[in-house]
Amino acid sequence: MTLLLTNDDGFGADGLEALIKVLSPLHTVYVVAPDRDRSGVSHGFTMLKPLRLKKTGERMFRCSGLPADCTDVGTKKLMDKAPDAVISGINRGSNIGTDILYSGTAAAARQASLHDIPGIAVSLESGDGNWNYEPLARFVCDNLEKLISLCERDVFININAKDGLSYKGWKMTVPSRRNYNDSSELIDAPDGHVYSFFKGGKVHTPLHADTDYTAAQEGFISISRIISQPCAAGGKPNLSGDFFKMP
């Protein structure tokens, strides 16, 4: 297969290198990744200035843009034809449930799915800081065709697992609802400006059956199918003509 690899942790990140290591001997691998850490940028897109690309090796590029930019320019301009899949990760840290709204890792896979290219986002959570990416990278490599079969236009795959040398198995899951308990602190500075500092809180995620969080916490690899097209959700309610007041 021909694959495009990217991430949001930046070119040369350990999780990306783990995927390159296991996939390159078996597949034609392109790498287009941000030139610095772009974590938490969601589905941002560079529109008002050009992307700066530097070729660092055969089929390998550093990009000044965001993860979605990397998918877009990689699949449309840097490759001779659309890849069989775009794989984003392996992210340093989980992208569980509500996280995918903020995740650049998920955005790169989502961007692929919007153009009918299979997109797979892969993330790892570490409890002890060892960050052993290879077992999860091996899982992706050994099951690549099956993972791709779960993708379709406007649907991408989100994979999460905890750091470990082995897993109990895998589970198909649904996204969790997370409460971040974030806050901010305002500081009146001598320069006359007010500065707001983000303060992360303790994340609370309920242990509900069939969710990505529960599966990962129990030692399984979580696999979720995520709808990427917003107009595919919500439905159309049947409302009367006077439901809203008009000016």
C-alpha atoms as a PDB file:
ATOM      1  CA  MET A   1       0.000   0.000   0.000  1.00  0.00           C
ATOM      2  CA  THR A   2       0.878   3.662  -0.294  1.00  0.00           C
ATOM      3  CA  LEU A   3       0.441   5.512   2.996  1.00  0.00           C
ATOM      4  CA  LEU A   4       0.700   9.100   4.194  1.00  0.00           C
ATOM      5  CA  LEU A   5       1.839   9.493   7.804  1.00  0.00           C
ATOM      6  CA  THR A   6       1.438  12.686   9.805  1.00  0.00           C
ATOM      7  CA  ASN A   7       0.845  13.827  13.398  1.00  0.00           C
ATOM      8  CA  ASP A   8       0.416  16.886  15.604  1.00  0.00           C
ATOM      9  CA  ASP A   9       3.423  16.322  17.897  1.00  0.00           C
ATOM     10  CA  GLY A  10       5.780  17.409  15.130  1.00  0.00           C
ATOM     11  CA  PHE A  11       8.229  15.916  12.659  1.00  0.00           C
ATOM     12  CA  GLY A  12      10.566  13.408  14.316  1.00  0.00           C
ATOM     13  CA  ALA A  13       8.272  12.698  17.285  1.00  0.00           C
ATOM     14  CA  ASP A  14       8.730   9.230  18.781  1.00  0.00           C
ATOM     15  CA  GLY A  15       5.196   8.046  18.009  1.00  0.00           C
ATOM     16  CA  LEU A  16       5.524   8.989  14.349  1.00  0.00           C
ATOM     17  CA  GLU A  17       8.926   7.333  14.156  1.00  0.00           C
ATOM     18  CA  ALA A  18       7.425   4.113  15.573  1.00  0.00           C
ATOM     19  CA  LEU A  19       4.872   3.999  12.750  1.00  0.00           C
ATOM     20  CA  ILE A  20       7.554   4.718  10.149  1.00  0.00           C
ATOM     21  CA  LYS A  21       9.685   1.896  11.533  1.00  0.00           C
ATOM     22  CA  VAL A  22       7.005  -0.805  11.344  1.00  0.00           C
ATOM     23  CA  LEU A  23       5.222   0.315   8.153  1.00  0.00           C
ATOM     24  CA  SER A  24       8.128   1.272   5.875  1.00  0.00           C
ATOM     25  CA  PRO A  25       9.422  -2.294   5.268  1.00  0.00           C
ATOM     26  CA  LEU A  26       5.992  -3.375   3.969  1.00  0.00           C
ATOM     27  CA  HIS A  27       4.522  -0.257   2.368  1.00  0.00           C
ATOM     28  CA  THR A  28       5.415   2.876   0.418  1.00  0.00           C
ATOM     29  CA  VAL A  29       5.393   5.520   3.146  1.00  0.00           C
ATOM     30  CA  TYR A  30       5.203   9.278   2.714  1.00  0.00           C
ATOM     31  CA  VAL A  31       5.645  11.549   5.735  1.00  0.00           C
ATOM     32  CA  VAL A  32       4.317  15.099   5.873  1.00  0.00           C
ATOM     33  CA  ALA A  33       4.369  16.397   9.440  1.00  0.00           C
ATOM     34  CA  PRO A  34       4.380  19.808  11.173  1.00  0.00           C
ATOM     35  CA  ASP A  35       7.792  21.350  11.741  1.00  0.00           C
ATOM     36  CA  ARG A  36       6.935  21.875  15.447  1.00  0.00           C
ATOM     37  CA  ASP A  37       4.478  20.712  18.079  1.00  0.00           C
ATOM     38  CA  ARG A  38       0.930  21.541  16.981  1.00  0.00           C
ATOM     39  CA  SER A  39      -1.000  19.782  19.738  1.00  0.00           C
ATOM     40  CA  GLY A  40      -4.516  21.037  20.424  1.00  0.00           C
ATOM     41  CA  VAL A  41      -4.938  22.983  17.164  1.00  0.00           C
ATOM     42  CA  SER A  42      -8.081  21.028  16.189  1.00  0.00           C
ATOM     43  CA  HIS A  43      -9.009  21.320  12.487  1.00  0.00           C
ATOM     44  CA  GLY A  44      -7.189  24.587  11.918  1.00  0.00           C
ATOM     45  CA  PHE A  45      -6.229  25.377   8.329  1.00  0.00           C
ATOM     46  CA  THR A  46      -3.620  27.777   6.910  1.00  0.00           C
ATOM     47  CA  MET A  47      -5.320  30.064   4.384  1.00  0.00           C
ATOM     48  CA  LEU A  48      -3.754  33.544   4.522  1.00  0.00           C
ATOM     49  CA  LYS A  49      -0.097  32.653   4.031  1.00  0.00           C
ATOM     50  CA  PRO A  50       1.816  29.978   2.088  1.00  0.00           C
ATOM     51  CA  LEU A  51       2.936  26.718   3.598  1.00  0.00           C
ATOM     52  CA  ARG A  52       6.691  26.240   3.841  1.00  0.00           C
ATOM     53  CA  LEU A  53       7.802  22.707   2.990  1.00  0.00           C
ATOM     54  CA  LYS A  54      11.275  21.234   3.414  1.00  0.00           C
ATOM     55  CA  LYS A  55      12.132  17.843   1.951  1.00  0.00           C
ATOM     56  CA  THR A  56      14.288  15.965   4.462  1.00  0.00           C
ATOM     57  CA  GLY A  57      14.542  12.586   2.735  1.00  0.00           C
ATOM     58  CA  GLU A  58      12.879  10.343   0.203  1.00  0.00           C
ATOM     59  CA  ARG A  59       9.117  11.010   0.486  1.00  0.00           C
ATOM     60  CA  MET A  60       9.618  12.945   3.764  1.00  0.00           C
ATOM     61  CA  PHE A  61       8.590  16.580   4.320  1.00  0.00           C
ATOM     62  CA  ARG A  62       8.526  19.062   7.193  1.00  0.00           C
ATOM     63  CA  CYS A  63       5.591  21.459   6.910  1.00  0.00           C
ATOM     64  CA  SER A  64       5.108  24.871   8.522  1.00  0.00           C
ATOM     65  CA  GLY A  65       1.369  24.300   8.744  1.00  0.00           C
ATOM     66  CA  LEU A  66      -1.096  22.381  10.888  1.00  0.00           C
ATOM     67  CA  PRO A  67      -1.982  18.667  10.804  1.00  0.00           C
ATOM     68  CA  ALA A  68      -4.955  19.181   8.467  1.00  0.00           C
ATOM     69  CA  ASP A  69      -2.646  21.194   6.170  1.00  0.00           C
ATOM     70  CA  CYS A  70      -0.216  18.270   6.104  1.00  0.00           C
ATOM     71  CA  THR A  71      -2.917  15.844   5.027  1.00  0.00           C
ATOM     72  CA  ASP A  72      -4.224  18.250   2.408  1.00  0.00           C
ATOM     73  CA  VAL A  73      -0.951  19.213   0.747  1.00  0.00           C
ATOM     74  CA  GLY A  74       0.400  15.692   1.069  1.00  0.00           C
ATOM     75  CA  THR A  75      -2.519  13.946  -0.613  1.00  0.00           C
ATOM     76  CA  LYS A  76      -3.167  16.633  -3.230  1.00  0.00           C
ATOM     77  CA  LYS A  77       0.304  17.834  -4.230  1.00  0.00           C
ATOM     78  CA  LEU A  78       3.195  15.809  -2.832  1.00  0.00           C
ATOM     79  CA  MET A  79       1.929  12.365  -3.848  1.00  0.00           C
ATOM     80  CA  ASP A  80       1.385  11.137  -7.391  1.00  0.00           C
ATOM     81  CA  LYS A  81      -2.020   9.716  -6.426  1.00  0.00           C
ATOM     82  CA  ALA A  82      -4.250   9.529  -3.376  1.00  0.00           C
ATOM     83  CA  PRO A  83      -2.855   7.173  -0.717  1.00  0.00           C
ATOM     84  CA  ASP A  84      -4.593   4.023   0.430  1.00  0.00           C
ATOM     85  CA  ALA A  85      -4.811   5.598   3.890  1.00  0.00           C
ATOM     86  CA  VAL A  86      -3.682   8.543   6.001  1.00  0.00           C
ATOM     87  CA  ILE A  87      -2.428   7.507   9.442  1.00  0.00           C
ATOM     88  CA  SER A  88      -2.038  10.225  12.065  1.00  0.00           C
ATOM     89  CA  GLY A  89       0.010   9.632  15.219  1.00  0.00           C
ATOM     90  CA  ILE A  90       0.980   7.877  17.284  1.00  0.00           C
ATOM     91  CA  ASN A  91       0.017  10.797  19.504  1.00  0.00           C
ATOM     92  CA  ARG A  92       1.801  11.367  22.794  1.00  0.00           C
ATOM     93  CA  GLY A  93      -1.299  11.251  24.987  1.00  0.00           C
ATOM     94  CA  SER A  94      -4.781   9.876  24.496  1.00  0.00           C
ATOM     95  CA  ASN A  95      -7.470  11.396  22.288  1.00  0.00           C
ATOM     96  CA  ILE A  96     -10.478  10.008  24.090  1.00  0.00           C
ATOM     97  CA  GLY A  97     -14.060  11.055  23.386  1.00  0.00           C
ATOM     98  CA  THR A  98     -14.436  14.827  23.614  1.00  0.00           C
ATOM     99  CA  ASP A  99     -10.666  15.207  23.036  1.00  0.00           C
ATOM    100  CA  ILE A 100     -11.201  14.699  19.298  1.00  0.00           C
ATOM    101  CA  LEU A 101     -12.836  18.145  19.093  1.00  0.00           C
ATOM    102  CA  TYR A 102      -9.477  19.720  19.998  1.00  0.00           C
ATOM    103  CA  SER A 103      -7.048  17.154  18.639  1.00  0.00           C
ATOM    104  CA  GLY A 104      -4.784  17.896  15.697  1.00  0.00           C
ATOM    105  CA  THR A 105      -4.149  14.143  15.470  1.00  0.00           C
ATOM    106  CA  ALA A 106      -7.852  13.512  14.859  1.00  0.00           C
ATOM    107  CA  ALA A 107      -8.077  16.470  12.473  1.00  0.00           C
ATOM    108  CA  ALA A 108      -5.463  15.021  10.127  1.00  0.00           C
ATOM    109  CA  ALA A 109      -7.455  11.769   9.857  1.00  0.00           C
ATOM    110  CA  ARG A 110     -10.731  13.693   9.559  1.00  0.00           C
ATOM    111  CA  GLN A 111      -9.335  15.756   6.675  1.00  0.00           C
ATOM    112  CA  ALA A 112      -8.577  12.556   4.786  1.00  0.00           C
ATOM    113  CA  SER A 113     -12.071  11.152   5.335  1.00  0.00           C
ATOM    114  CA  LEU A 114     -13.654  14.328   3.984  1.00  0.00           C
ATOM    115  CA  HIS A 115     -11.944  13.559   0.667  1.00  0.00           C
ATOM    116  CA  ASP A 116     -12.894   9.868   0.606  1.00  0.00           C
ATOM    117  CA  ILE A 117      -9.464   8.692   1.791  1.00  0.00           C
ATOM    118  CA  PRO A 118      -9.386   6.306   4.769  1.00  0.00           C
ATOM    119  CA  GLY A 119      -8.209   8.201   7.852  1.00  0.00           C
ATOM    120  CA  ILE A 120      -6.848   6.545  10.991  1.00  0.00           C
ATOM    121  CA  ALA A 121      -5.923   8.483  14.145  1.00  0.00           C
ATOM    122  CA  VAL A 122      -3.783   6.639  16.713  1.00  0.00           C
ATOM    123  CA  SER A 123      -3.051   7.801  20.274  1.00  0.00           C
ATOM    124  CA  LEU A 124      -1.308   6.358  23.318  1.00  0.00           C
ATOM    125  CA  GLU A 125      -1.713   7.168  27.001  1.00  0.00           C
ATOM    126  CA  SER A 126       1.182   6.514  29.374  1.00  0.00           C
ATOM    127  CA  GLY A 127       0.754   6.029  33.094  1.00  0.00           C
ATOM    128  CA  ASP A 128       4.442   5.752  33.977  1.00  0.00           C
ATOM    129  CA  GLY A 129       6.057   7.916  31.302  1.00  0.00           C
ATOM    130  CA  ASN A 130       7.765   5.072  29.425  1.00  0.00           C
ATOM    131  CA  TRP A 131       5.923   5.749  26.155  1.00  0.00           C
ATOM    132  CA  ASN A 132       6.340   2.326  24.542  1.00  0.00           C
ATOM    133  CA  TYR A 133       4.816   3.015  21.124  1.00  0.00           C
ATOM    134  CA  GLU A 134       5.870  -0.132  19.279  1.00  0.00           C
ATOM    135  CA  PRO A 135       3.119  -2.574  20.418  1.00  0.00           C
ATOM    136  CA  LEU A 136       0.377  -0.207  19.251  1.00  0.00           C
ATOM    137  CA  ALA A 137       2.267   0.529  16.032  1.00  0.00           C
ATOM    138  CA  ARG A 138       2.498  -3.234  15.428  1.00  0.00           C
ATOM    139  CA  PHE A 139      -1.239  -3.592  15.953  1.00  0.00           C
ATOM    140  CA  VAL A 140      -1.892  -0.947  13.297  1.00  0.00           C
ATOM    141  CA  CYS A 141       0.545  -2.569  10.887  1.00  0.00           C
ATOM    142  CA  ASP A 142      -0.754  -6.114  11.392  1.00  0.00           C
ATOM    143  CA  ASN A 143      -4.394  -5.051  11.003  1.00  0.00           C
ATOM    144  CA  LEU A 144      -4.078  -2.270   8.455  1.00  0.00           C
ATOM    145  CA  GLU A 145      -6.418  -3.723   5.814  1.00  0.00           C
ATOM    146  CA  LYS A 146      -9.119  -4.440   8.398  1.00  0.00           C
ATOM    147  CA  LEU A 147      -8.836  -0.959   9.886  1.00  0.00           C
ATOM    148  CA  ILE A 148      -9.158   0.576   6.440  1.00  0.00           C
ATOM    149  CA  SER A 149     -12.263  -1.522   5.801  1.00  0.00           C
ATOM    150  CA  LEU A 150     -13.952   0.247   8.734  1.00  0.00           C
ATOM    151  CA  CYS A 151     -13.421   3.651   7.119  1.00  0.00           C
ATOM    152  CA  GLU A 152     -15.700   5.294   4.613  1.00  0.00           C
ATOM    153  CA  ARG A 153     -16.344   8.759   3.236  1.00  0.00           C
ATOM    154  CA  ASP A 154     -16.982  11.132   6.164  1.00  0.00           C
ATOM    155  CA  VAL A 155     -16.025   8.465   8.740  1.00  0.00           C
ATOM    156  CA  PHE A 156     -12.549   8.057  10.216  1.00  0.00           C
ATOM    157  CA  ILE A 157     -11.132   5.634  12.787  1.00  0.00           C
ATOM    158  CA  ASN A 158      -9.927   6.779  16.213  1.00  0.00           C
ATOM    159  CA  ILE A 159      -7.653   4.301  18.057  1.00  0.00           C
ATOM    160  CA  ASN A 160      -6.650   4.679  21.705  1.00  0.00           C
ATOM    161  CA  ALA A 161      -4.731   2.492  24.132  1.00  0.00           C
ATOM    162  CA  LYS A 162      -2.704   2.715  27.304  1.00  0.00           C
ATOM    163  CA  ASP A 163       1.025   2.204  27.214  1.00  0.00           C
ATOM    164  CA  GLY A 164       1.864  -1.483  27.620  1.00  0.00           C
ATOM    165  CA  LEU A 165       3.887  -4.354  26.205  1.00  0.00           C
ATOM    166  CA  SER A 166       0.690  -6.278  25.388  1.00  0.00           C
ATOM    167  CA  TYR A 167      -3.074  -5.852  25.377  1.00  0.00           C
ATOM    168  CA  LYS A 168      -6.062  -7.939  26.451  1.00  0.00           C
ATOM    169  CA  GLY A 169      -7.542  -7.526  22.979  1.00  0.00           C
ATOM    170  CA  TRP A 170      -9.507  -4.875  21.119  1.00  0.00           C
ATOM    171  CA  LYS A 171     -13.003  -3.412  21.412  1.00  0.00           C
ATOM    172  CA  MET A 172     -15.225  -1.381  19.106  1.00  0.00           C
ATOM    173  CA  THR A 173     -16.278   1.607  21.197  1.00  0.00           C
ATOM    174  CA  VAL A 174     -18.180   4.881  21.246  1.00  0.00           C
ATOM    175  CA  PRO A 175     -16.644   8.216  22.313  1.00  0.00           C
ATOM    176  CA  SER A 176     -16.767   9.247  25.962  1.00  0.00           C
ATOM    177  CA  ARG A 177     -18.033  12.550  27.311  1.00  0.00           C
ATOM    178  CA  ARG A 178     -15.183  14.203  29.221  1.00  0.00           C
ATOM    179  CA  ASN A 179     -15.275  17.010  31.778  1.00  0.00           C
ATOM    180  CA  TYR A 180     -11.970  18.880  31.814  1.00  0.00           C
ATOM    181  CA  ASN A 181     -12.581  21.221  34.787  1.00  0.00           C
ATOM    182  CA  ASP A 182     -10.395  23.841  33.085  1.00  0.00           C
ATOM    183  CA  SER A 183     -10.121  27.426  34.237  1.00  0.00           C
ATOM    184  CA  SER A 184      -8.130  30.551  33.481  1.00  0.00           C
ATOM    185  CA  GLU A 185      -6.278  33.152  35.524  1.00  0.00           C
ATOM    186  CA  LEU A 186      -6.262  36.837  34.640  1.00  0.00           C
ATOM    187  CA  ILE A 187      -3.174  38.938  35.361  1.00  0.00           C
ATOM    188  CA  ASP A 188      -3.028  42.744  35.131  1.00  0.00           C
ATOM    189  CA  ALA A 189       0.424  43.344  33.675  1.00  0.00           C
ATOM    190  CA  PRO A 190       2.611  46.490  34.012  1.00  0.00           C
ATOM    191  CA  ASP A 191       2.448  46.952  30.219  1.00  0.00           C
ATOM    192  CA  GLY A 192      -1.240  47.838  30.495  1.00  0.00           C
ATOM    193  CA  HIS A 193      -2.555  44.568  29.099  1.00  0.00           C
ATOM    194  CA  VAL A 194      -4.567  41.876  30.842  1.00  0.00           C
ATOM    195  CA  TYR A 195      -3.182  38.368  30.249  1.00  0.00           C
ATOM    196  CA  SER A 196      -5.231  35.198  30.535  1.00  0.00           C
ATOM    197  CA  PHE A 197      -3.398  31.997  31.468  1.00  0.00           C
ATOM    198  CA  PHE A 198      -4.996  28.629  30.778  1.00  0.00           C
ATOM    199  CA  LYS A 199      -5.112  26.317  33.801  1.00  0.00           C
ATOM    200  CA  GLY A 200      -5.817  22.674  33.129  1.00  0.00           C
ATOM    201  CA  GLY A 201      -7.984  20.873  35.634  1.00  0.00           C
ATOM    202  CA  LYS A 202      -8.385  17.260  36.647  1.00  0.00           C
ATOM    203  CA  VAL A 203     -10.147  15.443  33.812  1.00  0.00           C
ATOM    204  CA  HIS A 204     -13.191  13.397  34.793  1.00  0.00           C
ATOM    205  CA  THR A 205     -14.418  10.677  32.446  1.00  0.00           C
ATOM    206  CA  PRO A 206     -17.204   8.326  33.571  1.00  0.00           C
ATOM    207  CA  LEU A 207     -16.588   4.589  33.220  1.00  0.00           C
ATOM    208  CA  HIS A 208     -19.530   3.679  30.994  1.00  0.00           C
ATOM    209  CA  ALA A 209     -19.751   0.400  29.118  1.00  0.00           C
ATOM    210  CA  ASP A 210     -18.697   0.391  25.454  1.00  0.00           C
ATOM    211  CA  THR A 211     -16.816   3.707  25.637  1.00  0.00           C
ATOM    212  CA  ASP A 212     -13.285   4.349  24.408  1.00  0.00           C
ATOM    213  CA  TYR A 213     -12.142   5.480  27.866  1.00  0.00           C
ATOM    214  CA  THR A 214     -13.401   2.351  29.621  1.00  0.00           C
ATOM    215  CA  ALA A 215     -11.864   0.003  27.047  1.00  0.00           C
ATOM    216  CA  ALA A 216      -8.447   1.684  27.253  1.00  0.00           C
ATOM    217  CA  GLN A 217      -8.492   1.760  31.056  1.00  0.00           C
ATOM    218  CA  GLU A 218      -9.280  -1.956  31.118  1.00  0.00           C
ATOM    219  CA  GLY A 219      -6.237  -2.773  28.968  1.00  0.00           C
ATOM    220  CA  PHE A 220      -7.907  -3.076  25.563  1.00  0.00           C
ATOM    221  CA  ILE A 221      -7.221  -1.249  22.327  1.00  0.00           C
ATOM    222  CA  SER A 222     -10.197   1.018  21.647  1.00  0.00           C
ATOM    223  CA  ILE A 223     -11.402   1.486  18.058  1.00  0.00           C
ATOM    224  CA  SER A 224     -14.110   4.077  17.362  1.00  0.00           C
ATOM    225  CA  ARG A 225     -15.712   5.080  14.067  1.00  0.00           C
ATOM    226  CA  ILE A 226     -16.134   8.876  14.081  1.00  0.00           C
ATOM    227  CA  ILE A 227     -18.460  10.825  11.793  1.00  0.00           C
ATOM    228  CA  SER A 228     -16.463  13.732  10.370  1.00  0.00           C
ATOM    229  CA  GLN A 229     -19.185  15.512   8.406  1.00  0.00           C
ATOM    230  CA  PRO A 230     -21.258  17.784  10.682  1.00  0.00           C
ATOM    231  CA  CYS A 231     -24.295  17.854   8.410  1.00  0.00           C
ATOM    232  CA  ALA A 232     -24.647  14.089   8.882  1.00  0.00           C
ATOM    233  CA  ALA A 233     -25.730  14.521  12.509  1.00  0.00           C
ATOM    234  CA  GLY A 234     -28.666  15.965  14.384  1.00  0.00           C
ATOM    235  CA  GLY A 235     -31.528  15.351  12.006  1.00  0.00           C
ATOM    236  CA  LYS A 236     -34.270  17.826  11.102  1.00  0.00           C
ATOM    237  CA  PRO A 237     -36.892  18.416  13.817  1.00  0.00           C
ATOM    238  CA  ASN A 238     -40.506  18.952  12.821  1.00  0.00           C
ATOM    239  CA  LEU A 239     -41.241  22.477  14.130  1.00  0.00           C
ATOM    240  CA  SER A 240     -44.251  24.692  13.563  1.00  0.00           C
ATOM    241  CA  GLY A 241     -43.885  27.931  11.637  1.00  0.00           C
ATOM    242  CA  ASP A 242     -44.306  30.075  14.755  1.00  0.00           C
ATOM    243  CA  PHE A 243     -41.731  28.179  16.846  1.00  0.00           C
ATOM    244  CA  PHE A 244     -39.280  31.123  16.631  1.00  0.00           C
ATOM    245  CA  LYS A 245     -40.241  34.773  17.004  1.00  0.00           C
ATOM    246  CA  MET A 246     -39.330  36.904  14.019  1.00  0.00           C
ATOM    247  CA  PRO A 247     -38.278  40.579  14.229  1.00  0.00           C
END
